[in-house]
C-alpha atoms as a PDB file:
ATOM      1  CA  MET A   1     -15.209  -3.139  -9.085  1.00  0.00           C
ATOM      2  CA  TYR A   2     -11.433  -3.011  -9.381  1.00  0.00           C
ATOM      3  CA  ASP A   3     -10.936  -5.926 -11.763  1.00  0.00           C
ATOM      4  CA  ASP A   4      -8.793  -3.765 -14.055  1.00  0.00           C
ATOM      5  CA  ILE A   5      -6.213  -3.228 -11.319  1.00  0.00           C
ATOM      6  CA  PHE A   6      -3.834  -5.797  -9.917  1.00  0.00           C
ATOM      7  CA  VAL A   7      -2.598  -5.453  -6.341  1.00  0.00           C
ATOM      8  CA  LEU A   8       1.079  -6.283  -5.696  1.00  0.00           C
ATOM      9  CA  ILE A   9       2.206  -7.124  -2.160  1.00  0.00           C
ATOM     10  CA  PRO A  10       5.956  -7.683  -1.654  1.00  0.00           C
ATOM     11  CA  THR A  11       6.547  -9.442   1.642  1.00  0.00           C
ATOM     12  CA  TYR A  12       9.293 -10.890   3.823  1.00  0.00           C
ATOM     13  CA  ASN A  13       8.539 -12.935   6.975  1.00  0.00           C
ATOM     14  CA  PRO A  14       4.981 -11.486   7.200  1.00  0.00           C
ATOM     15  CA  SER A  15       2.794 -11.709  10.274  1.00  0.00           C
ATOM     16  CA  MET A  16      -0.765 -12.989  10.246  1.00  0.00           C
ATOM     17  CA  LYS A  17      -1.780  -9.414   9.361  1.00  0.00           C
ATOM     18  CA  LEU A  18      -1.165 -10.369   5.769  1.00  0.00           C
ATOM     19  CA  TYR A  19      -4.445 -12.370   5.890  1.00  0.00           C
ATOM     20  CA  SER A  20      -6.309  -9.262   7.038  1.00  0.00           C
ATOM     21  CA  VAL A  21      -4.766  -7.210   4.205  1.00  0.00           C
ATOM     22  CA  ILE A  22      -5.946  -9.808   1.717  1.00  0.00           C
ATOM     23  CA  ASP A  23      -9.425 -10.049   3.245  1.00  0.00           C
ATOM     24  CA  ASN A  24      -9.795  -6.221   3.218  1.00  0.00           C
ATOM     25  CA  LEU A  25      -8.724  -6.041  -0.404  1.00  0.00           C
ATOM     26  CA  LYS A  26     -11.142  -8.807  -1.464  1.00  0.00           C
ATOM     27  CA  THR A  27     -14.009  -7.181   0.418  1.00  0.00           C
ATOM     28  CA  ALA A  28     -13.270  -3.855  -1.268  1.00  0.00           C
ATOM     29  CA  GLY A  29     -13.409  -5.461  -4.718  1.00  0.00           C
ATOM     30  CA  PHE A  30      -9.749  -6.089  -5.480  1.00  0.00           C
ATOM     31  CA  ASN A  31      -9.901  -9.622  -6.868  1.00  0.00           C
ATOM     32  CA  ASN A  32      -6.494  -9.773  -8.572  1.00  0.00           C
ATOM     33  CA  ILE A  33      -3.774 -10.028  -5.935  1.00  0.00           C
ATOM     34  CA  VAL A  34      -0.122 -10.983  -6.509  1.00  0.00           C
ATOM     35  CA  ILE A  35       2.107 -11.688  -3.487  1.00  0.00           C
ATOM     36  CA  VAL A  36       5.893 -11.973  -3.801  1.00  0.00           C
ATOM     37  CA  ASP A  37       7.435 -13.927  -0.976  1.00  0.00           C
ATOM     38  CA  ASP A  38      10.968 -12.524  -0.820  1.00  0.00           C
ATOM     39  CA  GLY A  39      12.655 -15.579   0.719  1.00  0.00           C
ATOM     40  CA  SER A  40      10.689 -15.767   3.967  1.00  0.00           C
ATOM     41  CA  ASP A  41      11.997 -18.190   6.638  1.00  0.00           C
ATOM     42  CA  ASN A  42       8.518 -19.293   7.738  1.00  0.00           C
ATOM     43  CA  LYS A  43       6.272 -20.429   4.906  1.00  0.00           C
ATOM     44  CA  ALA A  44       3.328 -21.321   7.181  1.00  0.00           C
ATOM     45  CA  VAL A  45       1.658 -17.980   6.662  1.00  0.00           C
ATOM     46  CA  PHE A  46       1.228 -18.794   2.976  1.00  0.00           C
ATOM     47  CA  LYS A  47      -0.565 -22.098   3.608  1.00  0.00           C
ATOM     48  CA  ARG A  48      -4.090 -20.713   3.654  1.00  0.00           C
ATOM     49  CA  PRO A  49      -6.277 -21.655   0.666  1.00  0.00           C
ATOM     50  CA  LYS A  50      -4.979 -19.448  -2.107  1.00  0.00           C
ATOM     51  CA  ASN A  51      -7.143 -16.580  -3.283  1.00  0.00           C
ATOM     52  CA  TYR A  52      -4.083 -14.886  -4.666  1.00  0.00           C
ATOM     53  CA  LYS A  53      -1.144 -15.617  -6.958  1.00  0.00           C
ATOM     54  CA  LEU A  54       2.089 -16.361  -5.078  1.00  0.00           C
ATOM     55  CA  LEU A  55       5.570 -15.766  -6.525  1.00  0.00           C
ATOM     56  CA  VAL A  56       8.537 -16.956  -4.498  1.00  0.00           C
ATOM     57  CA  HIS A  57      12.185 -15.925  -4.222  1.00  0.00           C
ATOM     58  CA  ASP A  58      14.463 -18.748  -2.999  1.00  0.00           C
ATOM     59  CA  LYS A  59      16.382 -16.235  -0.871  1.00  0.00           C
ATOM     60  CA  ASN A  60      15.844 -12.710   0.440  1.00  0.00           C
ATOM     61  CA  MET A  61      16.716 -10.290  -2.357  1.00  0.00           C
ATOM     62  CA  GLY A  62      15.164  -7.050  -1.117  1.00  0.00           C
ATOM     63  CA  LYS A  63      11.947  -5.114  -1.627  1.00  0.00           C
ATOM     64  CA  GLY A  64      13.109  -3.664  -4.942  1.00  0.00           C
ATOM     65  CA  GLU A  65      13.664  -7.101  -6.434  1.00  0.00           C
ATOM     66  CA  ALA A  66      10.336  -8.308  -5.070  1.00  0.00           C
ATOM     67  CA  LEU A  67       8.560  -5.405  -6.759  1.00  0.00           C
ATOM     68  CA  LYS A  68      10.335  -6.035 -10.033  1.00  0.00           C
ATOM     69  CA  THR A  69       9.397  -9.755  -9.893  1.00  0.00           C
ATOM     70  CA  GLY A  70       5.743  -8.723  -9.425  1.00  0.00           C
ATOM     71  CA  PHE A  71       5.874  -6.067 -12.149  1.00  0.00           C
ATOM     72  CA  LYS A  72       7.336  -8.531 -14.646  1.00  0.00           C
ATOM     73  CA  CYS A  73       4.539 -11.012 -13.894  1.00  0.00           C
ATOM     74  CA  ILE A  74       1.712  -8.444 -14.038  1.00  0.00           C
ATOM     75  CA  ALA A  75       3.085  -6.871 -17.263  1.00  0.00           C
ATOM     76  CA  SER A  76       1.818  -9.980 -19.097  1.00  0.00           C
ATOM     77  CA  MET A  77      -1.666  -9.840 -17.492  1.00  0.00           C
ATOM     78  CA  ASP A  78      -4.815  -8.260 -18.880  1.00  0.00           C
ATOM     79  CA  CYS A  79      -5.158  -5.123 -16.760  1.00  0.00           C
ATOM     80  CA  LEU A  80      -4.869  -1.356 -16.746  1.00  0.00           C
ATOM     81  CA  GLY A  81      -2.371  -1.019 -13.918  1.00  0.00           C
ATOM     82  CA  VAL A  82      -0.946  -2.245 -10.607  1.00  0.00           C
ATOM     83  CA  ILE A  83      -1.145  -0.803  -7.097  1.00  0.00           C
ATOM     84  CA  THR A  84       1.593  -1.639  -4.607  1.00  0.00           C
ATOM     85  CA  VAL A  85       0.471  -2.336  -1.020  1.00  0.00           C
ATOM     86  CA  ASP A  86       2.287  -3.224   2.228  1.00  0.00           C
ATOM     87  CA  ASP A  87       1.683  -6.495   4.030  1.00  0.00           C
ATOM     88  CA  ASP A  88       1.048  -5.158   7.576  1.00  0.00           C
ATOM     89  CA  LEU A  89      -2.119  -3.075   7.626  1.00  0.00           C
ATOM     90  CA  GLN A  90      -0.128   0.175   7.585  1.00  0.00           C
ATOM     91  CA  GLN A  91      -2.291   1.391   4.713  1.00  0.00           C
ATOM     92  CA  ASP A  92      -6.016   1.903   5.291  1.00  0.00           C
ATOM     93  CA  ILE A  93      -8.245   0.112   2.784  1.00  0.00           C
ATOM     94  CA  LEU A  94     -10.157   3.347   2.175  1.00  0.00           C
ATOM     95  CA  ASP A  95      -6.875   5.028   1.198  1.00  0.00           C
ATOM     96  CA  ILE A  96      -6.028   2.131  -1.119  1.00  0.00           C
ATOM     97  CA  LYS A  97      -9.388   2.650  -2.764  1.00  0.00           C
ATOM     98  CA  LYS A  98      -8.732   6.395  -3.062  1.00  0.00           C
ATOM     99  CA  VAL A  99      -5.488   5.702  -4.948  1.00  0.00           C
ATOM    100  CA  ALA A 100      -7.218   3.164  -7.192  1.00  0.00           C
ATOM    101  CA  ASP A 101     -10.141   5.508  -7.918  1.00  0.00           C
ATOM    102  CA  LYS A 102      -7.767   8.317  -8.840  1.00  0.00           C
ATOM    103  CA  PHE A 103      -5.912   6.008 -11.175  1.00  0.00           C
ATOM    104  CA  LEU A 104      -9.090   4.819 -12.879  1.00  0.00           C
ATOM    105  CA  GLU A 105     -10.094   8.466 -13.322  1.00  0.00           C
ATOM    106  CA  THR A 106      -6.785   9.673 -14.786  1.00  0.00           C
ATOM    107  CA  LYS A 107      -4.979   6.543 -16.013  1.00  0.00           C
ATOM    108  CA  LYS A 108      -1.776   8.181 -14.672  1.00  0.00           C
ATOM    109  CA  ILE A 109       0.587   7.304 -11.867  1.00  0.00           C
ATOM    110  CA  VAL A 110      -0.823   7.960  -8.391  1.00  0.00           C
ATOM    111  CA  LEU A 111       1.153   8.287  -5.164  1.00  0.00           C
ATOM    112  CA  GLY A 112      -0.430   8.024  -1.759  1.00  0.00           C
ATOM    113  CA  ILE A 113       1.085  10.888   0.283  1.00  0.00           C
ATOM    114  CA  ARG A 114       1.031  10.320   4.056  1.00  0.00           C
ATOM    115  CA  LEU A 115      -0.024  13.012   6.473  1.00  0.00           C
ATOM    116  CA  PHE A 116       2.589  12.783   9.250  1.00  0.00           C
ATOM    117  CA  ASP A 117       1.369  13.515  12.782  1.00  0.00           C
ATOM    118  CA  ARG A 118       2.664  13.415  16.336  1.00  0.00           C
ATOM    119  CA  LYS A 119       2.302   9.624  16.444  1.00  0.00           C
ATOM    120  CA  THR A 120       4.813   9.163  13.656  1.00  0.00           C
ATOM    121  CA  PRO A 121       8.200   8.032  14.982  1.00  0.00           C
ATOM    122  CA  PHE A 122      10.562  11.010  14.879  1.00  0.00           C
ATOM    123  CA  GLU A 123      13.365   9.217  12.997  1.00  0.00           C
ATOM    124  CA  ARG A 124      10.966   8.061  10.270  1.00  0.00           C
ATOM    125  CA  LYS A 125       9.436  11.534   9.881  1.00  0.00           C
ATOM    126  CA  PHE A 126      12.838  13.249   9.839  1.00  0.00           C
ATOM    127  CA  ALA A 127      14.310  10.803   7.293  1.00  0.00           C
ATOM    128  CA  ASN A 128      11.281  11.200   5.026  1.00  0.00           C
ATOM    129  CA  LYS A 129      11.196  14.961   5.234  1.00  0.00           C
ATOM    130  CA  LEU A 130      14.914  15.222   4.559  1.00  0.00           C
ATOM    131  CA  SER A 131      14.899  12.836   1.580  1.00  0.00           C
ATOM    132  CA  SER A 132      11.841  14.562   0.135  1.00  0.00           C
ATOM    133  CA  PHE A 133      13.429  18.016   0.489  1.00  0.00           C
ATOM    134  CA  ILE A 134      16.688  16.940  -1.185  1.00  0.00           C
ATOM    135  CA  PHE A 135      14.834  15.021  -3.932  1.00  0.00           C
ATOM    136  CA  ASN A 136      12.529  17.931  -4.765  1.00  0.00           C
ATOM    137  CA  LEU A 137      15.439  20.383  -4.762  1.00  0.00           C
ATOM    138  CA  LYS A 138      17.444  18.240  -7.178  1.00  0.00           C
ATOM    139  CA  TYR A 139      14.634  17.191  -9.524  1.00  0.00           C
ATOM    140  CA  LYS A 140      12.379  20.276  -9.345  1.00  0.00           C
ATOM    141  CA  THR A 141       9.402  18.217  -8.179  1.00  0.00           C
ATOM    142  CA  ASP A 142       6.939  18.613  -5.343  1.00  0.00           C
ATOM    143  CA  ILE A 143       6.630  15.120  -3.893  1.00  0.00           C
ATOM    144  CA  LYS A 144       5.882  15.441  -0.197  1.00  0.00           C
ATOM    145  CA  ASP A 145       6.404  11.760   0.613  1.00  0.00           C
ATOM    146  CA  THR A 146       9.197  10.155  -1.395  1.00  0.00           C
ATOM    147  CA  GLN A 147       9.097   6.964   0.660  1.00  0.00           C
ATOM    148  CA  THR A 148       5.438   6.085   0.277  1.00  0.00           C
ATOM    149  CA  GLY A 149       4.835   2.450  -0.628  1.00  0.00           C
ATOM    150  CA  LEU A 150       1.250   3.020  -1.801  1.00  0.00           C
ATOM    151  CA  ARG A 151       1.636   3.699  -5.514  1.00  0.00           C
ATOM    152  CA  CYS A 152      -0.321   2.893  -8.646  1.00  0.00           C
ATOM    153  CA  PHE A 153       1.317   2.500 -12.073  1.00  0.00           C
ATOM    154  CA  PRO A 154      -0.143   2.060 -15.549  1.00  0.00           C
ATOM    155  CA  LYS A 155       0.593  -1.342 -17.104  1.00  0.00           C
ATOM    156  CA  GLU A 156       2.556   0.166 -19.989  1.00  0.00           C
ATOM    157  CA  LEU A 157       5.226   1.410 -17.544  1.00  0.00           C
ATOM    158  CA  LEU A 158       5.904  -1.922 -15.828  1.00  0.00           C
ATOM    159  CA  ASN A 159       8.584  -3.259 -18.189  1.00  0.00           C
ATOM    160  CA  ASP A 160      10.483  -0.001 -17.854  1.00  0.00           C
ATOM    161  CA  LEU A 161      10.208  -0.126 -14.044  1.00  0.00           C
ATOM    162  CA  CYS A 162      11.792  -3.571 -14.139  1.00  0.00           C
ATOM    163  CA  LEU A 163      14.947  -1.956 -15.593  1.00  0.00           C
ATOM    164  CA  VAL A 164      15.304   0.615 -12.807  1.00  0.00           C
ATOM    165  CA  VAL A 165      18.328  -0.165 -10.645  1.00  0.00           C
ATOM    166  CA  GLY A 166      18.059  -0.957  -6.972  1.00  0.00           C
ATOM    167  CA  SER A 167      17.334  -4.088  -4.919  1.00  0.00           C
ATOM    168  CA  ARG A 168      16.107  -2.775  -1.596  1.00  0.00           C
ATOM    169  CA  PHE A 169      14.311   0.308  -0.274  1.00  0.00           C
ATOM    170  CA  GLU A 170      16.412   2.603  -2.481  1.00  0.00           C
ATOM    171  CA  TYR A 171      14.667   1.125  -5.529  1.00  0.00           C
ATOM    172  CA  GLU A 172      11.515   3.116  -4.783  1.00  0.00           C
ATOM    173  CA  ILE A 173      13.547   6.355  -4.821  1.00  0.00           C
ATOM    174  CA  ASN A 174      15.148   5.328  -8.088  1.00  0.00           C
ATOM    175  CA  VAL A 175      11.667   4.802  -9.570  1.00  0.00           C
ATOM    176  CA  LEU A 176      10.775   8.415  -8.675  1.00  0.00           C
ATOM    177  CA  LYS A 177      14.061   9.565 -10.218  1.00  0.00           C
ATOM    178  CA  TYR A 178      13.214   7.705 -13.401  1.00  0.00           C
ATOM    179  CA  LEU A 179       9.762   9.298 -13.501  1.00  0.00           C
ATOM    180  CA  ALA A 180      11.151  12.785 -12.846  1.00  0.00           C
ATOM    181  CA  LEU A 181      13.941  12.534 -15.426  1.00  0.00           C
ATOM    182  CA  ASN A 182      11.453  11.377 -18.055  1.00  0.00           C
ATOM    183  CA  ASN A 183       8.909  14.068 -17.162  1.00  0.00           C
ATOM    184  CA  ILE A 184       6.193  11.506 -16.490  1.00  0.00           C
ATOM    185  CA  ASP A 185       3.098  13.014 -14.851  1.00  0.00           C
ATOM    186  CA  MET A 186       2.117  11.952 -11.377  1.00  0.00           C
ATOM    187  CA  ASN A 187      -1.012  12.489  -9.326  1.00  0.00           C
ATOM    188  CA  TYR A 188      -1.203  12.562  -5.520  1.00  0.00           C
ATOM    189  CA  VAL A 189      -3.828  11.682  -2.946  1.00  0.00           C
ATOM    190  CA  THR A 190      -3.434  12.215   0.792  1.00  0.00           C
ATOM    191  CA  ILE A 191      -3.570   9.131   2.997  1.00  0.00           C
ATOM    192  CA  LYS A 192      -3.396   8.393   6.713  1.00  0.00           C
ATOM    193  CA  THR A 193      -0.125   7.518   8.442  1.00  0.00           C
ATOM    194  CA  ILE A 194      -0.318   4.208  10.307  1.00  0.00           C
ATOM    195  CA  TYR A 195       2.540   2.650  12.248  1.00  0.00           C
ATOM    196  CA  SER A 196       2.312  -0.669  14.049  1.00  0.00           C
ATOM    197  CA  ASP A 197       4.246  -1.902  17.082  1.00  0.00           C
ATOM    198  CA  GLU A 198       5.862  -4.657  15.051  1.00  0.00           C
ATOM    199  CA  VAL A 199       9.520  -4.580  14.020  1.00  0.00           C
ATOM    200  CA  SER A 200       9.815  -3.062  10.574  1.00  0.00           C
ATOM    201  CA  HIS A 201      12.116  -4.475   7.891  1.00  0.00           C
ATOM    202  CA  TYR A 202      13.016  -0.810   7.277  1.00  0.00           C
ATOM    203  CA  LYS A 203      16.268  -0.130   9.162  1.00  0.00           C
ATOM    204  CA  SER A 204      16.135   3.590   9.923  1.00  0.00           C
ATOM    205  CA  PHE A 205      19.804   4.534   9.661  1.00  0.00           C
ATOM    206  CA  LYS A 206      21.024   2.042   7.090  1.00  0.00           C
ATOM    207  CA  ASP A 207      18.049   2.329   4.723  1.00  0.00           C
ATOM    208  CA  SER A 208      17.833   6.123   5.113  1.00  0.00           C
ATOM    209  CA  TYR A 209      21.534   6.275   4.167  1.00  0.00           C
ATOM    210  CA  MET A 210      20.898   4.118   1.092  1.00  0.00           C
ATOM    211  CA  ILE A 211      17.939   6.301   0.088  1.00  0.00           C
ATOM    212  CA  LEU A 212      19.904   9.523   0.412  1.00  0.00           C
ATOM    213  CA  LYS A 213      22.824   7.964  -1.439  1.00  0.00           C
ATOM    214  CA  ALA A 214      20.458   7.023  -4.283  1.00  0.00           C
ATOM    215  CA  ILE A 215      19.085  10.545  -4.473  1.00  0.00           C
ATOM    216  CA  LEU A 216      22.507  12.174  -4.531  1.00  0.00           C
ATOM    217  CA  LYS A 217      24.040   9.727  -6.956  1.00  0.00           C
ATOM    218  CA  LYS A 218      24.899  11.264 -10.333  1.00  0.00           C
ATOM    219  CA  ASP A 219      22.274  10.484 -12.969  1.00  0.00           C
ATOM    220  CA  GLU A 220      23.494   8.392 -15.876  1.00  0.00           C
END
C-alpha cells in the first residue's frame, strides 16, 4: 500500500524495540525500509534476517548525519518520498500511516505534530514549547512542534536536505529553517505523544541549547 514511500530510521545503540518498529511498519504496508546504524557499539540487534536495507557509520556522527546518509541513498531510489521514523516505538503506527496518507494526498511535506499531555516530561515539553515559540516568532510560521521526528519529504527535496548544516539534533531545526526561508509549503497532522522509560539519546540541556542556538543563529 505504501510502496511509493521509503521509511528512514536513524538509530544508535537501539534496543530490541527496533524489531517491533520494523514489524509494525511491514504489517502496515511499508515494505521499503532503510536503517542507518550511526556507529552503534552492539551490532547484535542488526543480526536478524534482513527485511530492510542497512547503512552503517563506522563511528557515531549524530542524528543529522544519519538522516543525511539515508536521504542521499533514498534520493537514488524509485519513490515519491521518505518518512523519518524513530527506532523506539515512540511513534504510533497509526500516526505514521496518517502522515504517509497525508503525503500521498498532497505530495507535500508533512510534519507529525505531537499533542503534549500531563505524561510528557516537563523539561521536554518546556524545551519544545520554547523552541517552537522562538522559531515561529523569527520565521513567521505556525509550527507547534519544531522537534518532531516524524516527517515526510518529497523525493525531489532530498538532495537539498543533504546540504543543510548540522550533525546532531540541531539538524532537524535547520531543516525547518531551510523550508521556512524558501517558502516551502508544509502540512501538519496531529499525533500522540509517547515516551518510554528508556534512556533517550536526547540530552535535555545540551541538545536544547544546541537547538536554540541553531534557531537564533544569523541566517546566511
